[in-house]
C-alpha atoms as a PDB file:
ATOM      1  CA  MET A   1       0.000   0.000   0.000  1.00  0.00           C
ATOM      2  CA  PRO A   2       1.564   3.346  -0.982  1.00  0.00           C
ATOM      3  CA  ALA A   3       1.995   5.819   1.849  1.00  0.00           C
ATOM      4  CA  ALA A   4      -0.714   8.039   0.385  1.00  0.00           C
ATOM      5  CA  GLU A   5      -3.247   5.225   0.750  1.00  0.00           C
ATOM      6  CA  ARG A   6      -2.302   4.219   4.261  1.00  0.00           C
ATOM      7  CA  ALA A   7      -5.230   4.214   6.705  1.00  0.00           C
ATOM      8  CA  GLU A   8      -5.317   7.343   8.799  1.00  0.00           C
ATOM      9  CA  PRO A   9      -4.929   7.050  12.581  1.00  0.00           C
ATOM     10  CA  ILE A  10      -7.774   8.153  14.805  1.00  0.00           C
ATOM     11  CA  GLU A  11      -7.204  11.447  16.594  1.00  0.00           C
ATOM     12  CA  LEU A  12      -6.997  11.041  20.355  1.00  0.00           C
ATOM     13  CA  GLU A  13      -7.680  13.612  23.043  1.00  0.00           C
ATOM     14  CA  THR A  14      -5.118  11.963  25.330  1.00  0.00           C
ATOM     15  CA  ILE A  15      -1.827  10.564  23.992  1.00  0.00           C
ATOM     16  CA  VAL A  16      -0.404   9.764  27.428  1.00  0.00           C
ATOM     17  CA  ASP A  17      -2.402   8.527  30.420  1.00  0.00           C
ATOM     18  CA  ALA A  18      -1.553   6.824  33.683  1.00  0.00           C
ATOM     19  CA  ILE A  19      -2.621   4.842  36.729  1.00  0.00           C
ATOM     20  CA  THR A  20      -0.894   3.957  40.001  1.00  0.00           C
ATOM     21  CA  LEU A  21      -0.841   0.324  41.116  1.00  0.00           C
ATOM     22  CA  GLY A  22       0.634  -0.138  44.569  1.00  0.00           C
ATOM     23  CA  ASP A  23       4.099   1.398  44.472  1.00  0.00           C
ATOM     24  CA  VAL A  24       4.287   1.265  40.676  1.00  0.00           C
ATOM     25  CA  THR A  25       3.266   4.037  38.296  1.00  0.00           C
ATOM     26  CA  LEU A  26       2.003   2.809  34.934  1.00  0.00           C
ATOM     27  CA  THR A  27       1.886   5.229  32.012  1.00  0.00           C
ATOM     28  CA  ARG A  28       0.538   4.423  28.552  1.00  0.00           C
ATOM     29  CA  VAL A  29       2.320   6.098  25.633  1.00  0.00           C
ATOM     30  CA  ARG A  30       0.694   5.689  22.240  1.00  0.00           C
ATOM     31  CA  GLU A  31       2.415   5.395  18.879  1.00  0.00           C
ATOM     32  CA  TYR A  32      -0.672   4.704  16.725  1.00  0.00           C
ATOM     33  CA  PHE A  33      -4.381   4.153  17.158  1.00  0.00           C
ATOM     34  CA  GLY A  34      -6.681   3.350  14.277  1.00  0.00           C
ATOM     35  CA  PRO A  35      -7.672   0.816  11.622  1.00  0.00           C
ATOM     36  CA  VAL A  36      -5.452  -2.133  10.786  1.00  0.00           C
ATOM     37  CA  ASP A  37      -7.136  -3.029   7.485  1.00  0.00           C
ATOM     38  CA  MET A  38      -8.647  -6.301   8.751  1.00  0.00           C
ATOM     39  CA  THR A  39     -12.224  -7.382   9.414  1.00  0.00           C
ATOM     40  CA  PRO A  40     -13.044  -9.510  12.463  1.00  0.00           C
ATOM     41  CA  GLU A  41     -13.354 -12.530  10.168  1.00  0.00           C
ATOM     42  CA  ALA A  42      -9.807 -12.009   8.869  1.00  0.00           C
ATOM     43  CA  PHE A  43      -8.222 -11.041  12.186  1.00  0.00           C
ATOM     44  CA  PHE A  44      -9.992 -13.708  14.269  1.00  0.00           C
ATOM     45  CA  PRO A  45     -10.881 -16.345  11.674  1.00  0.00           C
ATOM     46  CA  LYS A  46     -12.647 -18.836  13.965  1.00  0.00           C
ATOM     47  CA  SER A  47     -14.397 -16.381  16.243  1.00  0.00           C
ATOM     48  CA  PRO A  48     -18.202 -16.667  16.304  1.00  0.00           C
ATOM     49  CA  ALA A  49     -19.800 -14.028  14.074  1.00  0.00           C
ATOM     50  CA  GLN A  50     -22.746 -13.704  16.426  1.00  0.00           C
ATOM     51  CA  ALA A  51     -20.430 -12.638  19.238  1.00  0.00           C
ATOM     52  CA  TRP A  52     -19.243  -9.597  17.275  1.00  0.00           C
ATOM     53  CA  GLU A  53     -22.854  -8.615  16.681  1.00  0.00           C
ATOM     54  CA  ALA A  54     -23.870  -9.251  20.288  1.00  0.00           C
ATOM     55  CA  HIS A  55     -21.098  -7.030  21.646  1.00  0.00           C
ATOM     56  CA  ARG A  56     -21.038  -4.422  18.886  1.00  0.00           C
ATOM     57  CA  SER A  57     -22.585  -1.714  21.082  1.00  0.00           C
ATOM     58  CA  TRP A  58     -19.457  -1.480  23.263  1.00  0.00           C
ATOM     59  CA  LEU A  59     -16.808  -2.765  20.828  1.00  0.00           C
ATOM     60  CA  ALA A  60     -17.463   0.335  18.724  1.00  0.00           C
ATOM     61  CA  PRO A  61     -15.797   2.719  18.288  1.00  0.00           C
ATOM     62  CA  HIS A  62     -12.560   1.947  20.154  1.00  0.00           C
ATOM     63  CA  PHE A  63     -12.158  -1.674  19.092  1.00  0.00           C
ATOM     64  CA  LEU A  64     -14.238  -1.901  15.922  1.00  0.00           C
ATOM     65  CA  ASN A  65     -15.512   0.509  13.304  1.00  0.00           C
ATOM     66  CA  ALA A  66     -19.192  -0.368  13.192  1.00  0.00           C
ATOM     67  CA  GLU A  67     -19.660   1.036   9.678  1.00  0.00           C
ATOM     68  CA  THR A  68     -16.621  -0.405   7.878  1.00  0.00           C
ATOM     69  CA  ARG A  69     -16.299  -3.466  10.150  1.00  0.00           C
ATOM     70  CA  ILE A  70     -12.542  -2.884  10.303  1.00  0.00           C
ATOM     71  CA  VAL A  71     -10.764  -3.680  13.552  1.00  0.00           C
ATOM     72  CA  ASN A  72      -9.168  -0.760  15.382  1.00  0.00           C
ATOM     73  CA  SER A  73      -5.925  -1.357  17.221  1.00  0.00           C
ATOM     74  CA  ALA A  74      -3.515   0.629  19.364  1.00  0.00           C
ATOM     75  CA  ILE A  75       0.250   0.462  19.179  1.00  0.00           C
ATOM     76  CA  GLN A  76       1.522   1.614  22.538  1.00  0.00           C
ATOM     77  CA  THR A  77       4.261   1.270  25.111  1.00  0.00           C
ATOM     78  CA  TRP A  78       3.678   0.830  28.813  1.00  0.00           C
ATOM     79  CA  VAL A  79       6.081   2.816  30.999  1.00  0.00           C
ATOM     80  CA  LEU A  80       6.528   1.426  34.507  1.00  0.00           C
ATOM     81  CA  ARG A  81       8.350   3.228  37.268  1.00  0.00           C
ATOM     82  CA  SER A  82       9.234   0.633  39.866  1.00  0.00           C
ATOM     83  CA  GLU A  83      11.841   0.649  42.639  1.00  0.00           C
ATOM     84  CA  GLY A  84      13.559   3.680  41.172  1.00  0.00           C
ATOM     85  CA  ARG A  85      13.871   2.341  37.628  1.00  0.00           C
ATOM     86  CA  THR A  86      12.128   3.220  34.374  1.00  0.00           C
ATOM     87  CA  ILE A  87      10.903   0.167  32.472  1.00  0.00           C
ATOM     88  CA  LEU A  88       9.289  -0.009  29.021  1.00  0.00           C
ATOM     89  CA  VAL A  89       6.977  -2.857  28.052  1.00  0.00           C
ATOM     90  CA  ASP A  90       7.139  -3.296  24.259  1.00  0.00           C
ATOM     91  CA  THR A  91       8.364  -0.657  21.842  1.00  0.00           C
ATOM     92  CA  GLY A  92       5.862  -0.568  18.992  1.00  0.00           C
ATOM     93  CA  VAL A  93       6.599  -0.382  15.277  1.00  0.00           C
ATOM     94  CA  GLY A  94       9.337   2.251  15.024  1.00  0.00           C
ATOM     95  CA  ASN A  95      10.158   4.786  12.345  1.00  0.00           C
ATOM     96  CA  HIS A  96      11.636   4.256   8.884  1.00  0.00           C
ATOM     97  CA  LYS A  97      11.436   0.457   9.111  1.00  0.00           C
ATOM     98  CA  ASP A  98      11.146  -1.377   5.796  1.00  0.00           C
ATOM     99  CA  ARG A  99       8.090  -3.640   6.167  1.00  0.00           C
ATOM    100  CA  PRO A 100       7.182  -4.798   2.649  1.00  0.00           C
ATOM    101  CA  TYR A 101       4.726  -7.450   3.849  1.00  0.00           C
ATOM    102  CA  ALA A 102       3.027  -5.263   6.476  1.00  0.00           C
ATOM    103  CA  PRO A 103       1.924  -2.120   4.602  1.00  0.00           C
ATOM    104  CA  VAL A 104       0.200  -0.543   7.605  1.00  0.00           C
ATOM    105  CA  TRP A 105       3.569  -0.410   9.396  1.00  0.00           C
ATOM    106  CA  ASN A 106       5.839   0.272   6.432  1.00  0.00           C
ATOM    107  CA  ARG A 107       8.221   3.222   6.839  1.00  0.00           C
ATOM    108  CA  LEU A 108       6.273   5.015   9.540  1.00  0.00           C
ATOM    109  CA  ASP A 109       7.242   8.487  10.684  1.00  0.00           C
ATOM    110  CA  THR A 110       5.502   9.064  14.014  1.00  0.00           C
ATOM    111  CA  ALA A 111       6.097  11.317  17.003  1.00  0.00           C
ATOM    112  CA  PHE A 112       6.561   8.421  19.411  1.00  0.00           C
ATOM    113  CA  LEU A 113       9.703   9.759  21.079  1.00  0.00           C
ATOM    114  CA  ASP A 114       7.967  13.112  21.564  1.00  0.00           C
ATOM    115  CA  ASN A 115       5.045  11.268  23.115  1.00  0.00           C
ATOM    116  CA  LEU A 116       7.452   9.412  25.382  1.00  0.00           C
ATOM    117  CA  ALA A 117       8.900  12.777  26.424  1.00  0.00           C
ATOM    118  CA  ARG A 118       5.386  13.881  27.407  1.00  0.00           C
ATOM    119  CA  ALA A 119       5.533  11.065  29.953  1.00  0.00           C
ATOM    120  CA  GLY A 120       8.780  12.496  31.293  1.00  0.00           C
ATOM    121  CA  VAL A 121      10.993   9.859  29.687  1.00  0.00           C
ATOM    122  CA  ARG A 122      14.093  10.547  27.612  1.00  0.00           C
ATOM    123  CA  PRO A 123      15.751   7.598  25.828  1.00  0.00           C
ATOM    124  CA  GLU A 124      18.745   7.756  28.174  1.00  0.00           C
ATOM    125  CA  ASP A 125      16.434   7.506  31.212  1.00  0.00           C
ATOM    126  CA  VAL A 126      15.262   3.983  30.371  1.00  0.00           C
ATOM    127  CA  ASP A 127      16.765   1.219  32.506  1.00  0.00           C
ATOM    128  CA  ILE A 128      14.949  -1.853  31.137  1.00  0.00           C
ATOM    129  CA  VAL A 129      13.098  -2.650  27.921  1.00  0.00           C
ATOM    130  CA  ILE A 130      10.817  -5.685  27.952  1.00  0.00           C
ATOM    131  CA  ASN A 131       9.875  -7.229  24.613  1.00  0.00           C
ATOM    132  CA  THR A 132       6.955  -9.539  25.415  1.00  0.00           C
ATOM    133  CA  HIS A 133       7.659 -11.228  22.085  1.00  0.00           C
ATOM    134  CA  LEU A 134       9.533 -10.374  18.920  1.00  0.00           C
ATOM    135  CA  HIS A 135       6.785  -9.512  16.452  1.00  0.00           C
ATOM    136  CA  ILE A 136       6.986  -6.502  14.175  1.00  0.00           C
ATOM    137  CA  ASP A 137       4.849  -4.228  16.385  1.00  0.00           C
ATOM    138  CA  HIS A 138       6.576  -4.939  19.703  1.00  0.00           C
ATOM    139  CA  VAL A 139      10.250  -4.272  19.001  1.00  0.00           C
ATOM    140  CA  GLY A 140      10.360  -1.420  16.489  1.00  0.00           C
ATOM    141  CA  TRP A 141      11.617   1.350  18.748  1.00  0.00           C
ATOM    142  CA  ASN A 142      14.323  -0.918  20.111  1.00  0.00           C
ATOM    143  CA  THR A 143      16.435   0.860  17.505  1.00  0.00           C
ATOM    144  CA  TYR A 144      16.505   4.010  15.414  1.00  0.00           C
ATOM    145  CA  LEU A 145      18.273   4.893  12.200  1.00  0.00           C
ATOM    146  CA  ASP A 146      21.486   6.833  12.781  1.00  0.00           C
ATOM    147  CA  GLY A 147      22.653   7.713   9.293  1.00  0.00           C
ATOM    148  CA  ARG A 148      22.508   4.283   7.646  1.00  0.00           C
ATOM    149  CA  THR A 149      22.964   2.234  10.814  1.00  0.00           C
ATOM    150  CA  TRP A 150      20.370   0.866  13.226  1.00  0.00           C
ATOM    151  CA  VAL A 151      21.470   1.627  16.780  1.00  0.00           C
ATOM    152  CA  PRO A 152      19.797   1.083  20.188  1.00  0.00           C
ATOM    153  CA  THR A 153      17.284   3.811  20.964  1.00  0.00           C
ATOM    154  CA  PHE A 154      17.762   3.394  24.717  1.00  0.00           C
ATOM    155  CA  PRO A 155      21.528   3.485  25.253  1.00  0.00           C
ATOM    156  CA  ASN A 156      21.522   2.675  28.977  1.00  0.00           C
ATOM    157  CA  ALA A 157      18.863  -0.037  28.946  1.00  0.00           C
ATOM    158  CA  THR A 158      18.986  -3.782  29.296  1.00  0.00           C
ATOM    159  CA  TYR A 159      16.644  -5.339  26.740  1.00  0.00           C
ATOM    160  CA  LEU A 160      14.877  -8.413  28.147  1.00  0.00           C
ATOM    161  CA  MET A 161      13.906 -11.013  25.540  1.00  0.00           C
ATOM    162  CA  SER A 162      12.972 -14.642  26.001  1.00  0.00           C
ATOM    163  CA  ARG A 163      15.660 -16.888  24.591  1.00  0.00           C
ATOM    164  CA  THR A 164      12.976 -19.053  22.990  1.00  0.00           C
ATOM    165  CA  ASP A 165      11.632 -16.189  20.880  1.00  0.00           C
ATOM    166  CA  PHE A 166      15.128 -14.899  20.124  1.00  0.00           C
ATOM    167  CA  ASP A 167      16.125 -18.292  18.733  1.00  0.00           C
ATOM    168  CA  PHE A 168      12.825 -18.794  16.900  1.00  0.00           C
ATOM    169  CA  TRP A 169      12.975 -15.491  15.026  1.00  0.00           C
ATOM    170  CA  ASN A 170      16.718 -15.556  14.348  1.00  0.00           C
ATOM    171  CA  PRO A 171      16.934 -16.084  10.554  1.00  0.00           C
ATOM    172  CA  ALA A 172      20.103 -18.120  11.031  1.00  0.00           C
ATOM    173  CA  ASN A 173      17.975 -20.889  12.571  1.00  0.00           C
ATOM    174  CA  GLU A 174      15.733 -21.099   9.473  1.00  0.00           C
ATOM    175  CA  HIS A 175      12.447 -21.635  11.283  1.00  0.00           C
ATOM    176  CA  LYS A 176       9.303 -21.444   9.151  1.00  0.00           C
ATOM    177  CA  PRO A 177       6.887 -19.268  11.118  1.00  0.00           C
ATOM    178  CA  MET A 178       3.163 -19.241  10.473  1.00  0.00           C
ATOM    179  CA  LEU A 179       3.532 -15.496   9.940  1.00  0.00           C
ATOM    180  CA  GLY A 180       5.625 -16.213   6.853  1.00  0.00           C
ATOM    181  CA  ARG A 181       7.284 -13.051   5.598  1.00  0.00           C
ATOM    182  CA  GLY A 182       5.180 -10.810   7.808  1.00  0.00           C
ATOM    183  CA  ASN A 183       8.081 -10.387  10.220  1.00  0.00           C
ATOM    184  CA  GLN A 184      10.677  -9.851   7.502  1.00  0.00           C
ATOM    185  CA  ASN A 185      13.594  -7.548   8.418  1.00  0.00           C
ATOM    186  CA  VAL A 186      12.467  -7.281  12.038  1.00  0.00           C
ATOM    187  CA  PHE A 187      15.216  -9.358  13.612  1.00  0.00           C
ATOM    188  CA  GLU A 188      17.864  -7.681  11.494  1.00  0.00           C
ATOM    189  CA  ASP A 189      16.923  -4.067  12.222  1.00  0.00           C
ATOM    190  CA  SER A 190      15.282  -4.221  15.654  1.00  0.00           C
ATOM    191  CA  VAL A 191      16.740  -7.187  17.538  1.00  0.00           C
ATOM    192  CA  ALA A 192      20.232  -7.994  16.267  1.00  0.00           C
ATOM    193  CA  PRO A 193      21.590  -4.436  16.710  1.00  0.00           C
ATOM    194  CA  VAL A 194      20.842  -4.336  20.440  1.00  0.00           C
ATOM    195  CA  HIS A 195      22.182  -7.867  20.882  1.00  0.00           C
ATOM    196  CA  GLU A 196      25.387  -6.970  19.052  1.00  0.00           C
ATOM    197  CA  ALA A 197      25.668  -3.883  21.269  1.00  0.00           C
ATOM    198  CA  GLY A 198      25.712  -6.171  24.315  1.00  0.00           C
ATOM    199  CA  GLN A 199      22.441  -4.803  25.685  1.00  0.00           C
ATOM    200  CA  THR A 200      20.230  -7.917  25.605  1.00  0.00           C
ATOM    201  CA  GLN A 201      19.539 -10.337  28.413  1.00  0.00           C
ATOM    202  CA  LEU A 202      18.064 -13.578  27.117  1.00  0.00           C
ATOM    203  CA  TRP A 203      16.062 -15.218  29.883  1.00  0.00           C
ATOM    204  CA  GLU A 204      14.510 -18.659  30.186  1.00  0.00           C
ATOM    205  CA  GLY A 205      11.624 -20.048  32.235  1.00  0.00           C
ATOM    206  CA  ASP A 206      10.915 -16.994  34.362  1.00  0.00           C
ATOM    207  CA  HIS A 207      12.740 -13.827  35.311  1.00  0.00           C
ATOM    208  CA  ARG A 208      12.337 -11.732  38.451  1.00  0.00           C
ATOM    209  CA  ILE A 209      12.878  -8.032  37.650  1.00  0.00           C
ATOM    210  CA  ASP A 210      12.307  -6.599  41.119  1.00  0.00           C
ATOM    211  CA  GLY A 211      10.028  -7.017  44.110  1.00  0.00           C
ATOM    212  CA  ASN A 212       7.012  -5.882  42.075  1.00  0.00           C
ATOM    213  CA  LEU A 213       7.577  -7.408  38.628  1.00  0.00           C
ATOM    214  CA  ARG A 214       8.160 -10.884  37.188  1.00  0.00           C
ATOM    215  CA  LEU A 215       8.289 -12.281  33.652  1.00  0.00           C
ATOM    216  CA  ASP A 216       6.984 -15.737  32.771  1.00  0.00           C
ATOM    217  CA  LEU A 217       6.773 -17.627  29.508  1.00  0.00           C
ATOM    218  CA  ALA A 218       3.267 -17.804  28.042  1.00  0.00           C
ATOM    219  CA  PRO A 219       3.662 -19.622  24.710  1.00  0.00           C
ATOM    220  CA  GLY A 220       1.143 -19.963  21.933  1.00  0.00           C
ATOM    221  CA  HIS A 221       1.044 -16.649  20.146  1.00  0.00           C
ATOM    222  CA  THR A 222       4.757 -17.155  19.563  1.00  0.00           C
ATOM    223  CA  PRO A 223       6.898 -19.934  21.048  1.00  0.00           C
ATOM    224  CA  GLY A 224       8.559 -17.510  23.450  1.00  0.00           C
ATOM    225  CA  SER A 225       5.712 -15.114  24.217  1.00  0.00           C
ATOM    226  CA  SER A 226       5.843 -13.841  27.769  1.00  0.00           C
ATOM    227  CA  VAL A 227       3.633 -12.108  30.302  1.00  0.00           C
ATOM    228  CA  LEU A 228       4.627  -9.584  32.922  1.00  0.00           C
ATOM    229  CA  SER A 229       2.931  -9.842  36.290  1.00  0.00           C
ATOM    230  CA  LEU A 230       2.785  -6.896  38.681  1.00  0.00           C
ATOM    231  CA  GLU A 231       2.141  -7.470  42.374  1.00  0.00           C
ATOM    232  CA  SER A 232       2.538  -4.386  44.551  1.00  0.00           C
ATOM    233  CA  GLY A 233       0.691  -3.722  47.783  1.00  0.00           C
ATOM    234  CA  PRO A 234      -2.964  -4.638  47.250  1.00  0.00           C
ATOM    235  CA  ASP A 235      -2.795  -4.307  43.467  1.00  0.00           C
ATOM    236  CA  ARG A 236      -2.254  -6.914  40.774  1.00  0.00           C
ATOM    237  CA  ALA A 237      -1.919  -6.627  36.996  1.00  0.00           C
ATOM    238  CA  LEU A 238      -1.046  -8.950  34.158  1.00  0.00           C
ATOM    239  CA  PHE A 239       0.465  -7.617  30.929  1.00  0.00           C
ATOM    240  CA  VAL A 240      -0.587 -10.294  28.455  1.00  0.00           C
ATOM    241  CA  GLY A 241       0.934  -8.971  25.220  1.00  0.00           C
ATOM    242  CA  ASP A 242      -0.838 -10.432  22.192  1.00  0.00           C
ATOM    243  CA  LEU A 243      -2.690 -13.228  23.912  1.00  0.00           C
ATOM    244  CA  LEU A 244      -5.542 -10.717  23.575  1.00  0.00           C
ATOM    245  CA  HIS A 245      -5.817  -8.435  20.556  1.00  0.00           C
ATOM    246  CA  SER A 246      -9.451  -7.571  21.224  1.00  0.00           C
ATOM    247  CA  PRO A 247     -11.558  -7.490  24.393  1.00  0.00           C
ATOM    248  CA  LEU A 248     -13.936  -9.828  22.577  1.00  0.00           C
ATOM    249  CA  GLN A 249     -11.406 -12.579  23.364  1.00  0.00           C
ATOM    250  CA  ILE A 250     -12.216 -12.149  27.057  1.00  0.00           C
ATOM    251  CA  HIS A 251     -15.784 -13.155  26.271  1.00  0.00           C
ATOM    252  CA  GLU A 252     -14.649 -15.697  23.644  1.00  0.00           C
ATOM    253  CA  PRO A 253     -11.314 -17.043  24.992  1.00  0.00           C
ATOM    254  CA  ASP A 254     -11.153 -19.835  22.402  1.00  0.00           C
ATOM    255  CA  SER A 255     -10.863 -17.240  19.623  1.00  0.00           C
ATOM    256  CA  ASN A 256      -7.294 -16.736  18.412  1.00  0.00           C
ATOM    257  CA  SER A 257      -5.918 -14.069  16.169  1.00  0.00           C
ATOM    258  CA  CYS A 258      -4.667 -15.166  12.779  1.00  0.00           C
ATOM    259  CA  PHE A 259      -1.101 -14.494  13.982  1.00  0.00           C
ATOM    260  CA  CYS A 260      -0.862 -17.244  16.622  1.00  0.00           C
ATOM    261  CA  GLU A 261       1.900 -19.754  15.885  1.00  0.00           C
ATOM    262  CA  ASP A 262       0.311 -22.568  17.948  1.00  0.00           C
ATOM    263  CA  PRO A 263      -3.472 -22.049  18.133  1.00  0.00           C
ATOM    264  CA  ALA A 264      -4.160 -24.819  20.644  1.00  0.00           C
ATOM    265  CA  GLU A 265      -1.422 -23.609  22.979  1.00  0.00           C
ATOM    266  CA  ALA A 266      -2.580 -20.012  22.622  1.00  0.00           C
ATOM    267  CA  ARG A 267      -6.118 -20.965  23.669  1.00  0.00           C
ATOM    268  CA  ALA A 268      -4.875 -22.939  26.672  1.00  0.00           C
ATOM    269  CA  THR A 269      -2.583 -20.120  27.774  1.00  0.00           C
ATOM    270  CA  ARG A 270      -5.359 -17.548  27.400  1.00  0.00           C
ATOM    271  CA  HIS A 271      -7.721 -19.560  29.603  1.00  0.00           C
ATOM    272  CA  LYS A 272      -4.977 -20.078  32.194  1.00  0.00           C
ATOM    273  CA  LEU A 273      -4.018 -16.416  32.408  1.00  0.00           C
ATOM    274  CA  LEU A 274      -7.564 -15.076  32.465  1.00  0.00           C
ATOM    275  CA  GLY A 275      -8.303 -17.554  35.248  1.00  0.00           C
ATOM    276  CA  TRP A 276      -5.270 -16.290  37.189  1.00  0.00           C
ATOM    277  CA  ALA A 277      -6.431 -12.720  36.722  1.00  0.00           C
ATOM    278  CA  VAL A 278      -9.876 -13.565  38.123  1.00  0.00           C
ATOM    279  CA  ASP A 279      -8.468 -15.478  41.084  1.00  0.00           C
ATOM    280  CA  ASN A 280      -6.031 -12.682  41.932  1.00  0.00           C
ATOM    281  CA  ASN A 281      -8.298  -9.714  41.142  1.00  0.00           C
ATOM    282  CA  ALA A 282      -5.703  -8.541  38.614  1.00  0.00           C
ATOM    283  CA  LEU A 283      -6.119  -6.029  35.829  1.00  0.00           C
ATOM    284  CA  VAL A 284      -5.654  -7.614  32.408  1.00  0.00           C
ATOM    285  CA  ILE A 285      -3.523  -5.332  30.238  1.00  0.00           C
ATOM    286  CA  PRO A 286      -3.240  -6.429  26.588  1.00  0.00           C
ATOM    287  CA  ALA A 287      -0.811  -4.771  24.223  1.00  0.00           C
ATOM    288  CA  HIS A 288      -3.195  -3.287  21.674  1.00  0.00           C
ATOM    289  CA  LEU A 289      -6.413  -2.086  23.269  1.00  0.00           C
ATOM    290  CA  GLY A 290      -7.390   1.442  22.383  1.00  0.00           C
ATOM    291  CA  GLY A 291      -9.786   3.402  24.535  1.00  0.00           C
ATOM    292  CA  HIS A 292      -9.955   1.534  27.819  1.00  0.00           C
ATOM    293  CA  GLY A 293      -6.553  -0.121  27.914  1.00  0.00           C
ATOM    294  CA  ALA A 294      -7.116  -2.601  30.735  1.00  0.00           C
ATOM    295  CA  ALA A 295      -9.972  -4.519  32.302  1.00  0.00           C
ATOM    296  CA  GLU A 296     -11.010  -6.435  35.388  1.00  0.00           C
ATOM    297  CA  VAL A 297     -12.469  -9.803  34.457  1.00  0.00           C
ATOM    298  CA  ILE A 298     -14.855 -12.310  36.004  1.00  0.00           C
ATOM    299  CA  ARG A 299     -15.811 -15.873  35.152  1.00  0.00           C
ATOM    300  CA  GLU A 300     -18.984 -16.408  33.160  1.00  0.00           C
ATOM    301  CA  GLY A 301     -19.665 -20.100  32.754  1.00  0.00           C
ATOM    302  CA  GLY A 302     -16.684 -21.632  30.969  1.00  0.00           C
ATOM    303  CA  LYS A 303     -15.753 -18.227  29.591  1.00  0.00           C
ATOM    304  CA  PHE A 304     -15.017 -14.794  31.026  1.00  0.00           C
ATOM    305  CA  ALA A 305     -16.534 -11.328  30.988  1.00  0.00           C
ATOM    306  CA  ILE A 306     -15.461  -7.762  31.612  1.00  0.00           C
ATOM    307  CA  LYS A 307     -16.293  -6.600  35.115  1.00  0.00           C
ATOM    308  CA  GLY A 308     -14.988  -3.062  34.654  1.00  0.00           C
ATOM    309  CA  TRP A 309     -12.383  -0.916  32.927  1.00  0.00           C
ATOM    310  CA  ALA A 310      -9.233   0.498  34.498  1.00  0.00           C
ATOM    311  CA  PRO A 311      -9.535   4.163  35.592  1.00  0.00           C
ATOM    312  CA  PHE A 312      -6.701   5.674  33.559  1.00  0.00           C
ATOM    313  CA  ALA A 313      -6.330   9.438  33.870  1.00  0.00           C
ATOM    314  CA  PRO A 314      -4.356  11.964  31.806  1.00  0.00           C
ATOM    315  CA  TYR A 315      -0.692  11.879  32.741  1.00  0.00           C
ATOM    316  CA  THR A 316       0.562  14.734  34.896  1.00  0.00           C
ATOM    317  CA  GLU A 317       3.804  15.313  36.747  1.00  0.00           C
ATOM    318  CA  GLN A 318       2.073  14.098  39.906  1.00  0.00           C
ATOM    319  CA  PHE A 319       2.273  10.598  38.482  1.00  0.00           C
END
């Protein structure tokens, strides 16, 4: 798709908003919010059509355009301030990246770093970058183009990546992902440069970041997908990455996106994590929800339902 034909993002009143969970401040910084050129049938190929109709009244407009029936998605980074450190969860698409098989994300030129500055974060302030997995829209701002060379955007950060995903997406290992060429160039321009700079930490099994935060493997969407759990004071949250692309998947947890490498494993992991969130009264924070970015969930038969949305507020220096 030529740049002139690229779908236009939706204008937002608030680019940066925040919430405090225990001793941790969580700030959402958006890179993009708008259509992703896919209908529900294409994005979630085995989801029940009647469910989209039944929930249309609240899926629109943040998660679905009711007129065009195109899915809306947010590309955003979560900024956590925990125990004196600044931590980023996922880094979006990035600028100037050559994405020939993902036209929506091809050669973007967004104000993401300016938006990050609105949250009081300069690149040199970042201590840790968490890539929940290594898809195109989660690692892009790991690097930026300096002349003709991709260099780490966050020069003082340790980039946490699961070894499983690192090995899976490394072209040298010649895996044949379900995504095909959809992730082309991503490892080369957004992963390898930070690894070659000595800034990656490849973890396995689980990884304790601090007293509030822990990473665990949650395979299915990709072999090395991970979730970040937050437990601080009375508050709990679970950053589930792409195990949920739409809040409809809370109501229909057997519905995968078309991008899941192992559909059966993705379904099992989704049920497990949503169950944990219910049992621990934890906010569920997916990577791509526009509008309300996080939800409390309850059980509803063998499925789940949204109990309420997280009370994000516009970011101010008080956060």
